PDB file of all heavy atoms in Angstrom:
ATOM      1  N   ALA A   1       0.858  -1.166  -0.010  1.00  0.00           N
ATOM      2  CA  ALA A   1       0.020  -0.003   0.046  1.00  0.00           C
ATOM      3  C   ALA A   1       0.872   1.260   0.014  1.00  0.00           C
ATOM      4  O   ALA A   1       0.604   2.211  -0.706  1.00  0.00           O
ATOM      5  CB  ALA A   1      -0.939  -0.014   1.191  1.00  0.00           C
ATOM      6  N   ASP A   2       1.974   1.267   0.808  1.00  0.00           N
ATOM      7  CA  ASP A   2       2.868   2.374   0.841  1.00  0.00           C
ATOM      8  C   ASP A   2       3.495   2.567  -0.539  1.00  0.00           C
ATOM      9  O   ASP A   2       3.624   3.705  -1.033  1.00  0.00           O
ATOM     10  CB  ASP A   2       3.965   2.178   1.875  1.00  0.00           C
ATOM     11  CG  ASP A   2       3.457   2.213   3.308  1.00  0.00           C
ATOM     12  OD1 ASP A   2       2.341   2.773   3.483  1.00  0.00           O
ATOM     13  OD2 ASP A   2       4.169   1.666   4.177  1.00  0.00           O
ATOM     14  N   LEU A   3       3.883   1.438  -1.158  1.00  0.00           N
ATOM     15  CA  LEU A   3       4.585   1.581  -2.472  1.00  0.00           C
ATOM     16  C   LEU A   3       3.627   2.099  -3.545  1.00  0.00           C
ATOM     17  O   LEU A   3       4.015   2.976  -4.312  1.00  0.00           O
ATOM     18  CB  LEU A   3       5.067   0.126  -2.828  1.00  0.00           C
ATOM     19  CG  LEU A   3       6.050  -0.054  -4.034  1.00  0.00           C
ATOM     20  CD1 LEU A   3       7.338   0.702  -3.744  1.00  0.00           C
ATOM     21  CD2 LEU A   3       6.298  -1.551  -4.235  1.00  0.00           C
ATOM     22  N   VAL A   4       2.357   1.602  -3.612  1.00  0.00           N
ATOM     23  CA  VAL A   4       1.398   2.033  -4.588  1.00  0.00           C
ATOM     24  C   VAL A   4       1.062   3.527  -4.380  1.00  0.00           C
ATOM     25  O   VAL A   4       0.984   4.326  -5.300  1.00  0.00           O
ATOM     26  CB  VAL A   4       0.109   1.181  -4.494  1.00  0.00           C
ATOM     27  CG1 VAL A   4      -0.987   1.787  -5.329  1.00  0.00           C
ATOM     28  CG2 VAL A   4       0.440  -0.251  -4.963  1.00  0.00           C
ATOM     29  N   GLU A   5       0.938   3.899  -3.077  1.00  0.00           N
ATOM     30  CA  GLU A   5       0.620   5.313  -2.760  1.00  0.00           C
ATOM     31  C   GLU A   5       1.766   6.231  -3.194  1.00  0.00           C
ATOM     32  O   GLU A   5       1.497   7.310  -3.729  1.00  0.00           O
ATOM     33  CB  GLU A   5       0.276   5.488  -1.315  1.00  0.00           C
ATOM     34  CG  GLU A   5      -0.140   6.915  -0.953  1.00  0.00           C
ATOM     35  CD  GLU A   5      -0.650   7.076   0.447  1.00  0.00           C
ATOM     36  OE1 GLU A   5      -0.561   6.118   1.264  1.00  0.00           O
ATOM     37  OE2 GLU A   5      -1.244   8.135   0.732  1.00  0.00           O
ATOM     38  N   GLY A   6       2.994   5.787  -2.929  1.00  0.00           N
ATOM     39  CA  GLY A   6       4.107   6.635  -3.305  1.00  0.00           C
ATOM     40  C   GLY A   6       4.195   6.812  -4.829  1.00  0.00           C
ATOM     41  O   GLY A   6       4.556   7.869  -5.333  1.00  0.00           O
ATOM     42  N   ALA A   7       3.868   5.737  -5.565  1.00  0.00           N
ATOM     43  CA  ALA A   7       4.022   5.814  -7.050  1.00  0.00           C
ATOM     44  C   ALA A   7       2.814   6.463  -7.726  1.00  0.00           C
ATOM     45  O   ALA A   7       2.936   7.179  -8.724  1.00  0.00           O
ATOM     46  CB  ALA A   7       4.233   4.431  -7.570  1.00  0.00           C
ATOM     47  N   PHE A   8       1.624   6.108  -7.244  1.00  0.00           N
ATOM     48  CA  PHE A   8       0.384   6.540  -7.929  1.00  0.00           C
ATOM     49  C   PHE A   8      -0.580   7.410  -7.069  1.00  0.00           C
ATOM     50  O   PHE A   8      -1.699   7.632  -7.462  1.00  0.00           O
ATOM     51  CB  PHE A   8      -0.389   5.302  -8.409  1.00  0.00           C
ATOM     52  CG  PHE A   8       0.425   4.326  -9.244  1.00  0.00           C
ATOM     53  CD1 PHE A   8       0.596   3.054  -8.858  1.00  0.00           C
ATOM     54  CD2 PHE A   8       1.028   4.773 -10.433  1.00  0.00           C
ATOM     55  CE1 PHE A   8       1.362   2.177  -9.592  1.00  0.00           C
ATOM     56  CE2 PHE A   8       1.770   3.900 -11.161  1.00  0.00           C
ATOM     57  CZ  PHE A   8       1.957   2.627 -10.797  1.00  0.00           C
ATOM     58  N   GLY A   9      -0.096   7.799  -5.890  1.00  0.00           N
ATOM     59  CA  GLY A   9      -0.994   8.427  -4.935  1.00  0.00           C
ATOM     60  C   GLY A   9      -1.753   9.649  -5.467  1.00  0.00           C
ATOM     61  O   GLY A   9      -2.950   9.799  -5.293  1.00  0.00           O
ATOM     62  N   ALA A  10      -1.006  10.549  -6.126  1.00  0.00           N
ATOM     63  CA  ALA A  10      -1.639  11.728  -6.668  1.00  0.00           C
ATOM     64  C   ALA A  10      -2.704  11.445  -7.712  1.00  0.00           C
ATOM     65  O   ALA A  10      -3.810  12.042  -7.682  1.00  0.00           O
ATOM     66  CB  ALA A  10      -0.581  12.692  -7.286  1.00  0.00           C
ATOM     67  N   GLU A  11      -2.406  10.465  -8.533  1.00  0.00           N
ATOM     68  CA  GLU A  11      -3.422  10.087  -9.565  1.00  0.00           C
ATOM     69  C   GLU A  11      -4.604   9.413  -8.973  1.00  0.00           C
ATOM     70  O   GLU A  11      -5.744   9.670  -9.279  1.00  0.00           O
ATOM     71  CB  GLU A  11      -2.700   9.136 -10.560  1.00  0.00           C
ATOM     72  CG  GLU A  11      -3.637   8.548 -11.641  1.00  0.00           C
ATOM     73  CD  GLU A  11      -2.898   7.546 -12.530  1.00  0.00           C
ATOM     74  OE1 GLU A  11      -1.672   7.611 -12.568  1.00  0.00           O
ATOM     75  OE2 GLU A  11      -3.613   6.742 -13.174  1.00  0.00           O
ATOM     76  N   LEU A  12      -4.376   8.521  -7.976  1.00  0.00           N
ATOM     77  CA  LEU A  12      -5.465   7.809  -7.350  1.00  0.00           C
ATOM     78  C   LEU A  12      -6.361   8.826  -6.566  1.00  0.00           C
ATOM     79  O   LEU A  12      -7.584   8.635  -6.466  1.00  0.00           O
ATOM     80  CB  LEU A  12      -4.955   6.721  -6.462  1.00  0.00           C
ATOM     81  CG  LEU A  12      -4.271   5.540  -7.168  1.00  0.00           C
ATOM     82  CD1 LEU A  12      -3.641   4.569  -6.199  1.00  0.00           C
ATOM     83  CD2 LEU A  12      -5.269   4.809  -8.056  1.00  0.00           C
ATOM     84  N   ARG A  13      -5.717   9.763  -5.883  1.00  0.00           N
ATOM     85  CA  ARG A  13      -6.528  10.754  -5.153  1.00  0.00           C
ATOM     86  C   ARG A  13      -7.393  11.637  -6.068  1.00  0.00           C
ATOM     87  O   ARG A  13      -8.478  11.996  -5.695  1.00  0.00           O
ATOM     88  CB  ARG A  13      -5.594  11.565  -4.232  1.00  0.00           C
ATOM     89  CG  ARG A  13      -5.252  10.832  -2.949  1.00  0.00           C
ATOM     90  CD  ARG A  13      -4.484  11.784  -2.046  1.00  0.00           C
ATOM     91  NE  ARG A  13      -3.136  12.075  -2.508  1.00  0.00           N
ATOM     92  CZ  ARG A  13      -2.078  11.285  -2.186  1.00  0.00           C
ATOM     93  NH1 ARG A  13      -2.238  10.194  -1.493  1.00  0.00           N
ATOM     94  NH2 ARG A  13      -0.880  11.526  -2.689  1.00  0.00           N
ATOM     95  N   LEU A  14      -6.881  11.902  -7.211  1.00  0.00           N
ATOM     96  CA  LEU A  14      -7.636  12.652  -8.219  1.00  0.00           C
ATOM     97  C   LEU A  14      -8.918  11.922  -8.630  1.00  0.00           C
ATOM     98  O   LEU A  14      -9.975  12.503  -8.805  1.00  0.00           O
ATOM     99  CB  LEU A  14      -6.758  12.934  -9.459  1.00  0.00           C
ATOM    100  CG  LEU A  14      -7.508  13.631 -10.635  1.00  0.00           C
ATOM    101  CD1 LEU A  14      -7.908  15.090 -10.197  1.00  0.00           C
ATOM    102  CD2 LEU A  14      -6.601  13.726 -11.838  1.00  0.00           C
ATOM    103  N   LEU A  15      -8.791  10.542  -8.603  1.00  0.00           N
ATOM    104  CA  LEU A  15      -9.924   9.717  -9.006  1.00  0.00           C
ATOM    105  C   LEU A  15     -10.723   9.220  -7.788  1.00  0.00           C
ATOM    106  O   LEU A  15     -11.596   8.375  -7.886  1.00  0.00           O
ATOM    107  CB  LEU A  15      -9.403   8.527  -9.797  1.00  0.00           C
ATOM    108  CG  LEU A  15      -8.642   8.908 -11.141  1.00  0.00           C
ATOM    109  CD1 LEU A  15      -7.988   7.672 -11.668  1.00  0.00           C
ATOM    110  CD2 LEU A  15      -9.651   9.497 -12.114  1.00  0.00           C
ATOM    111  N   GLY A  16     -10.467   9.816  -6.625  1.00  0.00           N
ATOM    112  CA  GLY A  16     -11.073   9.306  -5.362  1.00  0.00           C
ATOM    113  C   GLY A  16     -10.140   8.323  -4.711  1.00  0.00           C
ATOM    114  O   GLY A  16      -9.395   7.631  -5.316  1.00  0.00           O
ATOM    115  N   ASP A  17     -10.135   8.304  -3.396  1.00  0.00           N
ATOM    116  CA  ASP A  17      -9.164   7.520  -2.654  1.00  0.00           C
ATOM    117  C   ASP A  17      -9.632   6.110  -2.289  1.00  0.00           C
ATOM    118  O   ASP A  17      -9.102   5.455  -1.393  1.00  0.00           O
ATOM    119  CB  ASP A  17      -8.675   8.274  -1.409  1.00  0.00           C
ATOM    120  CG  ASP A  17      -9.846   8.419  -0.386  1.00  0.00           C
ATOM    121  OD1 ASP A  17     -10.989   8.014  -0.675  1.00  0.00           O
ATOM    122  OD2 ASP A  17      -9.537   8.957   0.717  1.00  0.00           O
ATOM    123  N   GLU A  18     -10.693   5.640  -2.964  1.00  0.00           N
ATOM    124  CA  GLU A  18     -11.266   4.344  -2.596  1.00  0.00           C
ATOM    125  C   GLU A  18     -10.259   3.216  -2.638  1.00  0.00           C
ATOM    126  O   GLU A  18     -10.227   2.372  -1.738  1.00  0.00           O
ATOM    127  CB  GLU A  18     -12.483   4.019  -3.451  1.00  0.00           C
ATOM    128  CG  GLU A  18     -13.704   4.789  -3.248  1.00  0.00           C
ATOM    129  CD  GLU A  18     -13.749   6.068  -4.062  1.00  0.00           C
ATOM    130  OE1 GLU A  18     -12.678   6.483  -4.535  1.00  0.00           O
ATOM    131  OE2 GLU A  18     -14.842   6.636  -4.281  1.00  0.00           O
ATOM    132  N   TYR A  19      -9.436   3.205  -3.689  1.00  0.00           N
ATOM    133  CA  TYR A  19      -8.469   2.057  -3.813  1.00  0.00           C
ATOM    134  C   TYR A  19      -7.467   2.082  -2.737  1.00  0.00           C
ATOM    135  O   TYR A  19      -7.149   1.009  -2.147  1.00  0.00           O
ATOM    136  CB  TYR A  19      -7.801   2.158  -5.233  1.00  0.00           C
ATOM    137  CG  TYR A  19      -7.002   0.905  -5.568  1.00  0.00           C
ATOM    138  CD1 TYR A  19      -7.631  -0.259  -5.813  1.00  0.00           C
ATOM    139  CD2 TYR A  19      -5.616   1.005  -5.592  1.00  0.00           C
ATOM    140  CE1 TYR A  19      -6.859  -1.416  -6.108  1.00  0.00           C
ATOM    141  CE2 TYR A  19      -4.884  -0.132  -5.878  1.00  0.00           C
ATOM    142  CZ  TYR A  19      -5.517  -1.352  -6.157  1.00  0.00           C
ATOM    143  OH  TYR A  19      -4.827  -2.448  -6.428  1.00  0.00           O
ATOM    144  N   LEU A  20      -6.926   3.242  -2.410  1.00  0.00           N
ATOM    145  CA  LEU A  20      -5.911   3.303  -1.360  1.00  0.00           C
ATOM    146  C   LEU A  20      -6.525   2.947  -0.022  1.00  0.00           C
ATOM    147  O   LEU A  20      -5.945   2.203   0.784  1.00  0.00           O
ATOM    148  CB  LEU A  20      -5.261   4.674  -1.294  1.00  0.00           C
ATOM    149  CG  LEU A  20      -4.377   5.091  -2.460  1.00  0.00           C
ATOM    150  CD1 LEU A  20      -3.945   6.540  -2.298  1.00  0.00           C
ATOM    151  CD2 LEU A  20      -3.174   4.159  -2.507  1.00  0.00           C
ATOM    152  N   VAL A  21      -7.761   3.404   0.205  1.00  0.00           N
ATOM    153  CA  VAL A  21      -8.443   3.040   1.459  1.00  0.00           C
ATOM    154  C   VAL A  21      -8.679   1.571   1.532  1.00  0.00           C
ATOM    155  O   VAL A  21      -8.472   0.922   2.587  1.00  0.00           O
ATOM    156  CB  VAL A  21      -9.786   3.781   1.556  1.00  0.00           C
ATOM    157  CG1 VAL A  21     -10.687   3.277   2.731  1.00  0.00           C
ATOM    158  CG2 VAL A  21      -9.544   5.313   1.755  1.00  0.00           C
ATOM    159  N   ALA A  22      -9.078   0.962   0.404  1.00  0.00           N
ATOM    160  CA  ALA A  22      -9.292  -0.524   0.383  1.00  0.00           C
ATOM    161  C   ALA A  22      -8.005  -1.237   0.634  1.00  0.00           C
ATOM    162  O   ALA A  22      -8.006  -2.278   1.397  1.00  0.00           O
ATOM    163  CB  ALA A  22      -9.872  -0.911  -0.975  1.00  0.00           C
ATOM    164  N   MET A  23      -6.906  -0.805   0.115  1.00  0.00           N
ATOM    165  CA  MET A  23      -5.623  -1.453   0.323  1.00  0.00           C
ATOM    166  C   MET A  23      -5.211  -1.420   1.811  1.00  0.00           C
ATOM    167  O   MET A  23      -4.726  -2.395   2.342  1.00  0.00           O
ATOM    168  CB  MET A  23      -4.537  -0.846  -0.552  1.00  0.00           C
ATOM    169  CG  MET A  23      -4.612  -1.185  -1.994  1.00  0.00           C
ATOM    170  SD  MET A  23      -3.164  -0.801  -2.921  1.00  0.00           S
ATOM    171  CE  MET A  23      -2.070  -2.153  -2.378  1.00  0.00           C
ATOM    172  N   ARG A  24      -5.437  -0.274   2.445  1.00  0.00           N
ATOM    173  CA  ARG A  24      -5.173  -0.165   3.898  1.00  0.00           C
ATOM    174  C   ARG A  24      -6.047  -1.068   4.635  1.00  0.00           C
ATOM    175  O   ARG A  24      -5.635  -1.743   5.680  1.00  0.00           O
ATOM    176  CB  ARG A  24      -5.388   1.285   4.318  1.00  0.00           C
ATOM    177  CG  ARG A  24      -4.481   2.326   3.646  1.00  0.00           C
ATOM    178  CD  ARG A  24      -3.015   2.100   4.003  1.00  0.00           C
ATOM    179  NE  ARG A  24      -2.203   3.136   3.341  1.00  0.00           N
ATOM    180  CZ  ARG A  24      -0.834   3.075   3.308  1.00  0.00           C
ATOM    181  NH1 ARG A  24      -0.232   2.046   3.774  1.00  0.00           N
ATOM    182  NH2 ARG A  24      -0.191   4.062   2.686  1.00  0.00           N
ATOM    183  N   ARG A  25      -7.337  -1.156   4.235  1.00  0.00           N
ATOM    184  CA  ARG A  25      -8.221  -2.099   4.906  1.00  0.00           C
ATOM    185  C   ARG A  25      -7.793  -3.553   4.793  1.00  0.00           C
ATOM    186  O   ARG A  25      -7.852  -4.359   5.713  1.00  0.00           O
ATOM    187  CB  ARG A  25      -9.646  -1.857   4.356  1.00  0.00           C
ATOM    188  CG  ARG A  25     -10.778  -2.611   5.140  1.00  0.00           C
ATOM    189  CD  ARG A  25     -12.091  -2.444   4.486  1.00  0.00           C
ATOM    190  NE  ARG A  25     -12.439  -1.063   4.373  1.00  0.00           N
ATOM    191  CZ  ARG A  25     -12.892  -0.448   3.269  1.00  0.00           C
ATOM    192  NH1 ARG A  25     -13.034  -1.171   2.200  1.00  0.00           N
ATOM    193  NH2 ARG A  25     -13.223   0.803   3.285  1.00  0.00           N
ATOM    194  N   TRP A  26      -7.375  -3.909   3.539  1.00  0.00           N
ATOM    195  CA  TRP A  26      -6.881  -5.292   3.354  1.00  0.00           C
ATOM    196  C   TRP A  26      -5.663  -5.554   4.190  1.00  0.00           C
ATOM    197  O   TRP A  26      -5.591  -6.686   4.796  1.00  0.00           O
ATOM    198  CB  TRP A  26      -6.494  -5.449   1.927  1.00  0.00           C
ATOM    199  CG  TRP A  26      -7.561  -5.303   0.886  1.00  0.00           C
ATOM    200  CD1 TRP A  26      -8.953  -5.485   1.142  1.00  0.00           C
ATOM    201  CD2 TRP A  26      -7.489  -5.000  -0.469  1.00  0.00           C
ATOM    202  NE1 TRP A  26      -9.684  -5.204  -0.031  1.00  0.00           N
ATOM    203  CE2 TRP A  26      -8.819  -4.961  -1.041  1.00  0.00           C
ATOM    204  CE3 TRP A  26      -6.408  -4.719  -1.310  1.00  0.00           C
ATOM    205  CZ2 TRP A  26      -9.026  -4.664  -2.345  1.00  0.00           C
ATOM    206  CZ3 TRP A  26      -6.643  -4.405  -2.627  1.00  0.00           C
ATOM    207  CH2 TRP A  26      -7.952  -4.366  -3.141  1.00  0.00           C
ATOM    208  N   ALA A  27      -4.782  -4.572   4.326  1.00  0.00           N
ATOM    209  CA  ALA A  27      -3.563  -4.787   5.138  1.00  0.00           C
ATOM    210  C   ALA A  27      -3.947  -4.998   6.602  1.00  0.00           C
ATOM    211  O   ALA A  27      -3.367  -5.901   7.298  1.00  0.00           O
ATOM    212  CB  ALA A  27      -2.678  -3.564   5.030  1.00  0.00           C
ATOM    213  N   ALA A  28      -4.931  -4.242   7.106  1.00  0.00           N
ATOM    214  CA  ALA A  28      -5.330  -4.405   8.489  1.00  0.00           C
ATOM    215  C   ALA A  28      -6.070  -5.685   8.741  1.00  0.00           C
ATOM    216  O   ALA A  28      -6.018  -6.154   9.864  1.00  0.00           O
ATOM    217  CB  ALA A  28      -6.170  -3.185   8.898  1.00  0.00           C
ATOM    218  N   ARG A  29      -6.715  -6.195   7.767  1.00  0.00           N
ATOM    219  CA  ARG A  29      -7.607  -7.375   7.949  1.00  0.00           C
ATOM    220  C   ARG A  29      -7.034  -8.573   7.269  1.00  0.00           C
ATOM    221  O   ARG A  29      -7.816  -9.570   7.052  1.00  0.00           O
ATOM    222  CB  ARG A  29      -9.042  -7.056   7.416  1.00  0.00           C
ATOM    223  CG  ARG A  29      -9.690  -5.840   8.121  1.00  0.00           C
ATOM    224  CD  ARG A  29     -11.015  -5.542   7.513  1.00  0.00           C
ATOM    225  NE  ARG A  29     -11.574  -4.336   8.102  1.00  0.00           N
ATOM    226  CZ  ARG A  29     -12.709  -3.789   7.662  1.00  0.00           C
ATOM    227  NH1 ARG A  29     -13.419  -4.328   6.647  1.00  0.00           N
ATOM    228  NH2 ARG A  29     -13.241  -2.734   8.256  1.00  0.00           N
ATOM    229  N   ALA A  30      -5.790  -8.596   6.876  1.00  0.00           N
ATOM    230  CA  ALA A  30      -5.275  -9.736   6.115  1.00  0.00           C
ATOM    231  C   ALA A  30      -5.497 -11.084   6.758  1.00  0.00           C
ATOM    232  O   ALA A  30      -5.961 -12.086   6.065  1.00  0.00           O
ATOM    233  CB  ALA A  30      -3.752  -9.552   5.842  1.00  0.00           C
TER     234      ALA A  30
END
């Protein structure tokens, strides 16, 4: 999640942060 946010964070936030939020949720609930 850190890696994806660092590489694509600005683009993903422009499109809404759902994907990053989901990745953080997956990490917490793995």
